[in-house]
All heavy atoms as atom14 arrays in JSON, in Angstrom:
{
  "sequence": "DAIRAAVNASGGDLDRAARALVDAANAGGGED",
  "atom14_mask": [
    [1, 1, 1, 1, 1, 1, 1, 1, 0, 0, 0, 0, 0, 0],
    [1, 1, 1, 1, 1, 0, 0, 0, 0, 0, 0, 0, 0, 0],
    [1, 1, 1, 1, 1, 1, 1, 1, 0, 0, 0, 0, 0, 0],
    [1, 1, 1, 1, 1, 1, 1, 1, 1, 1, 1, 0, 0, 0],
    [1, 1, 1, 1, 1, 0, 0, 0, 0, 0, 0, 0, 0, 0],
    [1, 1, 1, 1, 1, 0, 0, 0, 0, 0, 0, 0, 0, 0],
    [1, 1, 1, 1, 1, 1, 1, 0, 0, 0, 0, 0, 0, 0],
    [1, 1, 1, 1, 1, 1, 1, 1, 0, 0, 0, 0, 0, 0],
    [1, 1, 1, 1, 1, 0, 0, 0, 0, 0, 0, 0, 0, 0],
    [1, 1, 1, 1, 1, 1, 0, 0, 0, 0, 0, 0, 0, 0],
    [1, 1, 1, 1, 0, 0, 0, 0, 0, 0, 0, 0, 0, 0],
    [1, 1, 1, 1, 0, 0, 0, 0, 0, 0, 0, 0, 0, 0],
    [1, 1, 1, 1, 1, 1, 1, 1, 0, 0, 0, 0, 0, 0],
    [1, 1, 1, 1, 1, 1, 1, 1, 0, 0, 0, 0, 0, 0],
    [1, 1, 1, 1, 1, 1, 1, 1, 0, 0, 0, 0, 0, 0],
    [1, 1, 1, 1, 1, 1, 1, 1, 1, 1, 1, 0, 0, 0],
    [1, 1, 1, 1, 1, 0, 0, 0, 0, 0, 0, 0, 0, 0],
    [1, 1, 1, 1, 1, 0, 0, 0, 0, 0, 0, 0, 0, 0],
    [1, 1, 1, 1, 1, 1, 1, 1, 1, 1, 1, 0, 0, 0],
    [1, 1, 1, 1, 1, 0, 0, 0, 0, 0, 0, 0, 0, 0],
    [1, 1, 1, 1, 1, 1, 1, 1, 0, 0, 0, 0, 0, 0],
    [1, 1, 1, 1, 1, 1, 1, 0, 0, 0, 0, 0, 0, 0],
    [1, 1, 1, 1, 1, 1, 1, 1, 0, 0, 0, 0, 0, 0],
    [1, 1, 1, 1, 1, 0, 0, 0, 0, 0, 0, 0, 0, 0],
    [1, 1, 1, 1, 1, 0, 0, 0, 0, 0, 0, 0, 0, 0],
    [1, 1, 1, 1, 1, 1, 1, 1, 0, 0, 0, 0, 0, 0],
    [1, 1, 1, 1, 1, 0, 0, 0, 0, 0, 0, 0, 0, 0],
    [1, 1, 1, 1, 0, 0, 0, 0, 0, 0, 0, 0, 0, 0],
    [1, 1, 1, 1, 0, 0, 0, 0, 0, 0, 0, 0, 0, 0],
    [1, 1, 1, 1, 0, 0, 0, 0, 0, 0, 0, 0, 0, 0],
    [1, 1, 1, 1, 1, 1, 1, 1, 1, 0, 0, 0, 0, 0],
    [1, 1, 1, 1, 1, 1, 1, 1, 0, 0, 0, 0, 0, 0]
  ],
  "atom14_positions": [
    [[23.67, -21.6, 14.65], [22.62, -22.57, 14.8], [21.22, -22.02, 14.74], [20.31, -22.67, 14.26], [22.86, -23.32, 16.02], [24.06, -24.34, 15.99], [24.53, -24.51, 14.79], [24.63, -24.76, 17.01], [0.0, 0.0, 0.0], [0.0, 0.0, 0.0], [0.0, 0.0, 0.0], [0.0, 0.0, 0.0], [0.0, 0.0, 0.0], [0.0, 0.0, 0.0]],
    [[21.06, -20.83, 15.44], [19.77, -20.25, 15.6], [19.42, -19.66, 14.1], [18.15, -19.74, 13.71], [19.74, -19.14, 16.51], [0.0, 0.0, 0.0], [0.0, 0.0, 0.0], [0.0, 0.0, 0.0], [0.0, 0.0, 0.0], [0.0, 0.0, 0.0], [0.0, 0.0, 0.0], [0.0, 0.0, 0.0], [0.0, 0.0, 0.0], [0.0, 0.0, 0.0]],
    [[20.28, -19.08, 13.38], [20.09, -18.81, 11.93], [19.58, -19.86, 11.15], [18.62, -19.72, 10.33], [21.34, -18.04, 11.42], [21.63, -16.78, 12.2], [21.12, -17.76, 9.98], [23.01, -16.14, 11.68], [0.0, 0.0, 0.0], [0.0, 0.0, 0.0], [0.0, 0.0, 0.0], [0.0, 0.0, 0.0], [0.0, 0.0, 0.0], [0.0, 0.0, 0.0]],
    [[20.41, -20.86, 11.22], [19.94, -22.19, 10.41], [18.45, -22.58, 10.75], [17.74, -22.86, 10.0], [20.89, -23.22, 10.63], [20.57, -24.59, 9.97], [21.62, -25.65, 10.4], [21.74, -25.71, 11.89], [20.89, -26.54, 12.58], [19.82, -27.02, 12.1], [21.11, -26.47, 13.99], [0.0, 0.0, 0.0], [0.0, 0.0, 0.0], [0.0, 0.0, 0.0]],
    [[18.26, -22.59, 12.07], [16.95, -23.05, 12.54], [15.89, -22.2, 12.04], [14.74, -22.65, 11.66], [16.89, -23.17, 14.05], [0.0, 0.0, 0.0], [0.0, 0.0, 0.0], [0.0, 0.0, 0.0], [0.0, 0.0, 0.0], [0.0, 0.0, 0.0], [0.0, 0.0, 0.0], [0.0, 0.0, 0.0], [0.0, 0.0, 0.0], [0.0, 0.0, 0.0]],
    [[16.01, -20.96, 12.02], [14.98, -19.94, 11.65], [14.68, -20.08, 10.11], [13.5, -20.06, 9.7], [15.52, -18.54, 11.89], [0.0, 0.0, 0.0], [0.0, 0.0, 0.0], [0.0, 0.0, 0.0], [0.0, 0.0, 0.0], [0.0, 0.0, 0.0], [0.0, 0.0, 0.0], [0.0, 0.0, 0.0], [0.0, 0.0, 0.0], [0.0, 0.0, 0.0]],
    [[15.75, -20.31, 9.27], [15.57, -20.52, 7.92], [14.81, -21.86, 7.59], [13.89, -21.88, 6.89], [16.87, -20.5, 7.16], [16.68, -20.89, 5.65], [17.49, -19.07, 7.29], [0.0, 0.0, 0.0], [0.0, 0.0, 0.0], [0.0, 0.0, 0.0], [0.0, 0.0, 0.0], [0.0, 0.0, 0.0], [0.0, 0.0, 0.0], [0.0, 0.0, 0.0]],
    [[15.32, -22.83, 8.29], [14.64, -24.21, 8.03], [13.27, -24.18, 8.52], [12.29, -24.93, 8.0], [15.36, -25.2, 8.8], [16.79, -25.51, 8.05], [17.0, -25.27, 6.94], [17.84, -26.02, 8.87], [0.0, 0.0, 0.0], [0.0, 0.0, 0.0], [0.0, 0.0, 0.0], [0.0, 0.0, 0.0], [0.0, 0.0, 0.0], [0.0, 0.0, 0.0]],
    [[12.9, -23.43, 9.64], [11.61, -23.57, 10.14], [10.6, -22.66, 9.31], [9.38, -22.87, 9.58], [11.57, -23.01, 11.68], [0.0, 0.0, 0.0], [0.0, 0.0, 0.0], [0.0, 0.0, 0.0], [0.0, 0.0, 0.0], [0.0, 0.0, 0.0], [0.0, 0.0, 0.0], [0.0, 0.0, 0.0], [0.0, 0.0, 0.0], [0.0, 0.0, 0.0]],
    [[11.06, -21.98, 8.43], [10.1, -21.12, 7.62], [9.35, -21.95, 6.52], [8.46, -21.38, 5.92], [11.06, -20.12, 6.87], [11.7, -20.53, 5.89], [0.0, 0.0, 0.0], [0.0, 0.0, 0.0], [0.0, 0.0, 0.0], [0.0, 0.0, 0.0], [0.0, 0.0, 0.0], [0.0, 0.0, 0.0], [0.0, 0.0, 0.0], [0.0, 0.0, 0.0]],
    [[9.8, -23.18, 6.38], [9.14, -24.06, 5.35], [9.08, -23.52, 3.93], [8.23, -23.66, 3.21], [0.0, 0.0, 0.0], [0.0, 0.0, 0.0], [0.0, 0.0, 0.0], [0.0, 0.0, 0.0], [0.0, 0.0, 0.0], [0.0, 0.0, 0.0], [0.0, 0.0, 0.0], [0.0, 0.0, 0.0], [0.0, 0.0, 0.0], [0.0, 0.0, 0.0]],
    [[10.24, -22.84, 3.63], [10.34, -22.2, 2.26], [9.79, -20.8, 2.08], [9.86, -20.14, 1.08], [0.0, 0.0, 0.0], [0.0, 0.0, 0.0], [0.0, 0.0, 0.0], [0.0, 0.0, 0.0], [0.0, 0.0, 0.0], [0.0, 0.0, 0.0], [0.0, 0.0, 0.0], [0.0, 0.0, 0.0], [0.0, 0.0, 0.0], [0.0, 0.0, 0.0]],
    [[9.13, -20.28, 3.2], [8.45, -18.88, 3.08], [9.69, -17.97, 3.56], [9.93, -17.77, 4.7], [7.42, -18.82, 4.07], [6.7, -17.47, 4.07], [7.26, -16.4, 3.52], [5.53, -17.4, 4.5], [0.0, 0.0, 0.0], [0.0, 0.0, 0.0], [0.0, 0.0, 0.0], [0.0, 0.0, 0.0], [0.0, 0.0, 0.0], [0.0, 0.0, 0.0]],
    [[10.24, -17.29, 2.62], [11.41, -16.51, 2.84], [11.04, -15.18, 3.55], [11.9, -14.62, 4.24], [12.11, -16.19, 1.43], [12.72, -17.25, 0.73], [13.6, -16.84, -0.44], [13.58, -18.13, 1.68], [0.0, 0.0, 0.0], [0.0, 0.0, 0.0], [0.0, 0.0, 0.0], [0.0, 0.0, 0.0], [0.0, 0.0, 0.0], [0.0, 0.0, 0.0]],
    [[9.83, -14.69, 3.38], [9.46, -13.51, 4.01], [9.33, -13.85, 5.65], [9.76, -13.0, 6.44], [8.03, -13.03, 3.59], [8.15, -12.32, 2.32], [8.95, -11.4, 2.2], [7.29, -12.55, 1.53], [0.0, 0.0, 0.0], [0.0, 0.0, 0.0], [0.0, 0.0, 0.0], [0.0, 0.0, 0.0], [0.0, 0.0, 0.0], [0.0, 0.0, 0.0]],
    [[8.85, -15.07, 5.8], [8.69, -15.48, 7.24], [10.11, -15.73, 7.81], [10.3, -15.29, 8.98], [8.04, -16.79, 7.37], [7.73, -17.36, 8.66], [7.15, -18.78, 8.63], [7.14, -19.48, 9.86], [6.89, -20.77, 10.03], [6.31, -21.4, 8.98], [6.88, -21.4, 11.19], [0.0, 0.0, 0.0], [0.0, 0.0, 0.0], [0.0, 0.0, 0.0]],
    [[11.04, -16.2, 7.08], [12.4, -16.4, 7.54], [13.02, -15.04, 7.78], [13.81, -14.88, 8.9], [13.18, -17.22, 6.49], [0.0, 0.0, 0.0], [0.0, 0.0, 0.0], [0.0, 0.0, 0.0], [0.0, 0.0, 0.0], [0.0, 0.0, 0.0], [0.0, 0.0, 0.0], [0.0, 0.0, 0.0], [0.0, 0.0, 0.0], [0.0, 0.0, 0.0]],
    [[12.94, -14.09, 6.9], [13.44, -12.68, 7.19], [13.06, -12.13, 8.45], [13.76, -11.51, 9.18], [13.15, -11.86, 6.02], [0.0, 0.0, 0.0], [0.0, 0.0, 0.0], [0.0, 0.0, 0.0], [0.0, 0.0, 0.0], [0.0, 0.0, 0.0], [0.0, 0.0, 0.0], [0.0, 0.0, 0.0], [0.0, 0.0, 0.0], [0.0, 0.0, 0.0]],
    [[11.65, -12.27, 8.74], [11.14, -11.63, 9.86], [11.6, -12.27, 11.12], [11.92, -11.67, 12.17], [9.46, -11.72, 9.85], [8.81, -10.8, 8.84], [7.36, -10.71, 9.17], [6.68, -12.04, 9.02], [6.18, -12.64, 7.9], [6.27, -11.96, 6.68], [5.62, -13.78, 7.86], [0.0, 0.0, 0.0], [0.0, 0.0, 0.0], [0.0, 0.0, 0.0]],
    [[11.69, -13.71, 11.09], [12.13, -14.43, 12.24], [13.63, -13.97, 12.52], [14.07, -13.96, 13.7], [12.15, -16.02, 11.92], [0.0, 0.0, 0.0], [0.0, 0.0, 0.0], [0.0, 0.0, 0.0], [0.0, 0.0, 0.0], [0.0, 0.0, 0.0], [0.0, 0.0, 0.0], [0.0, 0.0, 0.0], [0.0, 0.0, 0.0], [0.0, 0.0, 0.0]],
    [[14.42, -13.9, 11.53], [15.85, -13.46, 11.85], [15.91, -12.11, 12.45], [16.79, -11.9, 13.42], [16.71, -13.54, 10.45], [16.92, -14.99, 9.86], [17.38, -14.89, 8.42], [17.86, -15.72, 10.72], [0.0, 0.0, 0.0], [0.0, 0.0, 0.0], [0.0, 0.0, 0.0], [0.0, 0.0, 0.0], [0.0, 0.0, 0.0], [0.0, 0.0, 0.0]],
    [[15.28, -11.11, 11.95], [15.3, -9.71, 12.45], [14.73, -9.89, 13.91], [15.34, -9.2, 14.86], [14.5, -8.87, 11.74], [14.31, -7.46, 12.37], [15.3, -8.55, 10.27], [0.0, 0.0, 0.0], [0.0, 0.0, 0.0], [0.0, 0.0, 0.0], [0.0, 0.0, 0.0], [0.0, 0.0, 0.0], [0.0, 0.0, 0.0], [0.0, 0.0, 0.0]],
    [[13.57, -10.61, 14.23], [13.08, -10.64, 15.51], [14.1, -11.36, 16.48], [14.17, -10.89, 17.66], [11.78, -11.48, 15.53], [10.65, -10.76, 14.78], [10.7, -9.49, 14.57], [9.62, -11.37, 14.44], [0.0, 0.0, 0.0], [0.0, 0.0, 0.0], [0.0, 0.0, 0.0], [0.0, 0.0, 0.0], [0.0, 0.0, 0.0], [0.0, 0.0, 0.0]],
    [[14.79, -12.28, 15.99], [15.84, -12.95, 16.83], [16.91, -12.1, 17.18], [17.42, -12.09, 18.34], [16.43, -14.23, 16.12], [0.0, 0.0, 0.0], [0.0, 0.0, 0.0], [0.0, 0.0, 0.0], [0.0, 0.0, 0.0], [0.0, 0.0, 0.0], [0.0, 0.0, 0.0], [0.0, 0.0, 0.0], [0.0, 0.0, 0.0], [0.0, 0.0, 0.0]],
    [[17.32, -11.22, 16.25], [18.41, -10.22, 16.6], [17.99, -9.22, 17.54], [18.74, -8.87, 18.51], [18.85, -9.62, 15.21], [0.0, 0.0, 0.0], [0.0, 0.0, 0.0], [0.0, 0.0, 0.0], [0.0, 0.0, 0.0], [0.0, 0.0, 0.0], [0.0, 0.0, 0.0], [0.0, 0.0, 0.0], [0.0, 0.0, 0.0], [0.0, 0.0, 0.0]],
    [[16.7, -8.74, 17.55], [16.28, -7.83, 18.48], [16.03, -8.46, 19.75], [16.32, -7.89, 20.87], [14.9, -7.19, 17.86], [15.15, -5.94, 17.01], [16.14, -5.18, 17.18], [14.41, -5.95, 15.99], [0.0, 0.0, 0.0], [0.0, 0.0, 0.0], [0.0, 0.0, 0.0], [0.0, 0.0, 0.0], [0.0, 0.0, 0.0], [0.0, 0.0, 0.0]],
    [[15.51, -9.68, 19.78], [15.37, -10.39, 21.09], [16.75, -10.62, 21.7], [16.89, -10.7, 23.07], [14.77, -11.78, 20.79], [0.0, 0.0, 0.0], [0.0, 0.0, 0.0], [0.0, 0.0, 0.0], [0.0, 0.0, 0.0], [0.0, 0.0, 0.0], [0.0, 0.0, 0.0], [0.0, 0.0, 0.0], [0.0, 0.0, 0.0], [0.0, 0.0, 0.0]],
    [[17.77, -10.7, 20.9], [19.15, -10.87, 21.48], [19.84, -9.65, 21.91], [20.95, -9.64, 22.54], [0.0, 0.0, 0.0], [0.0, 0.0, 0.0], [0.0, 0.0, 0.0], [0.0, 0.0, 0.0], [0.0, 0.0, 0.0], [0.0, 0.0, 0.0], [0.0, 0.0, 0.0], [0.0, 0.0, 0.0], [0.0, 0.0, 0.0], [0.0, 0.0, 0.0]],
    [[19.14, -8.5, 21.85], [19.64, -7.28, 22.31], [19.55, -6.13, 21.26], [19.45, -4.95, 21.54], [0.0, 0.0, 0.0], [0.0, 0.0, 0.0], [0.0, 0.0, 0.0], [0.0, 0.0, 0.0], [0.0, 0.0, 0.0], [0.0, 0.0, 0.0], [0.0, 0.0, 0.0], [0.0, 0.0, 0.0], [0.0, 0.0, 0.0], [0.0, 0.0, 0.0]],
    [[19.46, -6.34, 19.98], [19.32, -5.47, 18.9], [20.32, -4.35, 18.98], [19.94, -3.08, 18.8], [0.0, 0.0, 0.0], [0.0, 0.0, 0.0], [0.0, 0.0, 0.0], [0.0, 0.0, 0.0], [0.0, 0.0, 0.0], [0.0, 0.0, 0.0], [0.0, 0.0, 0.0], [0.0, 0.0, 0.0], [0.0, 0.0, 0.0], [0.0, 0.0, 0.0]],
    [[21.56, -4.54, 19.3], [22.63, -3.5, 19.42], [23.07, -2.84, 18.25], [23.65, -1.82, 18.41], [23.71, -4.08, 20.21], [23.43, -4.6, 21.66], [24.63, -5.27, 22.36], [25.72, -5.25, 21.71], [24.59, -5.73, 23.44], [0.0, 0.0, 0.0], [0.0, 0.0, 0.0], [0.0, 0.0, 0.0], [0.0, 0.0, 0.0], [0.0, 0.0, 0.0]],
    [[22.65, -3.26, 17.1], [23.02, -2.73, 15.9], [21.87, -2.72, 14.86], [20.94, -3.54, 15.1], [24.19, -3.34, 15.33], [25.1, -2.53, 14.3], [24.55, -1.47, 13.9], [26.05, -3.01, 13.96], [0.0, 0.0, 0.0], [0.0, 0.0, 0.0], [0.0, 0.0, 0.0], [0.0, 0.0, 0.0], [0.0, 0.0, 0.0], [0.0, 0.0, 0.0]]
  ]
}
C-alpha cells in the first residue's frame, strides 16, 4: 500500500517516485 501511494504521489515524476521508495525502505529499517 505504501509502494502504491509513493508512486501515485509522485505525479508522474519517476525520479521522485524512486527517491521516495528508497527513503521509505530506509525509514523502515534499511536492513538490506
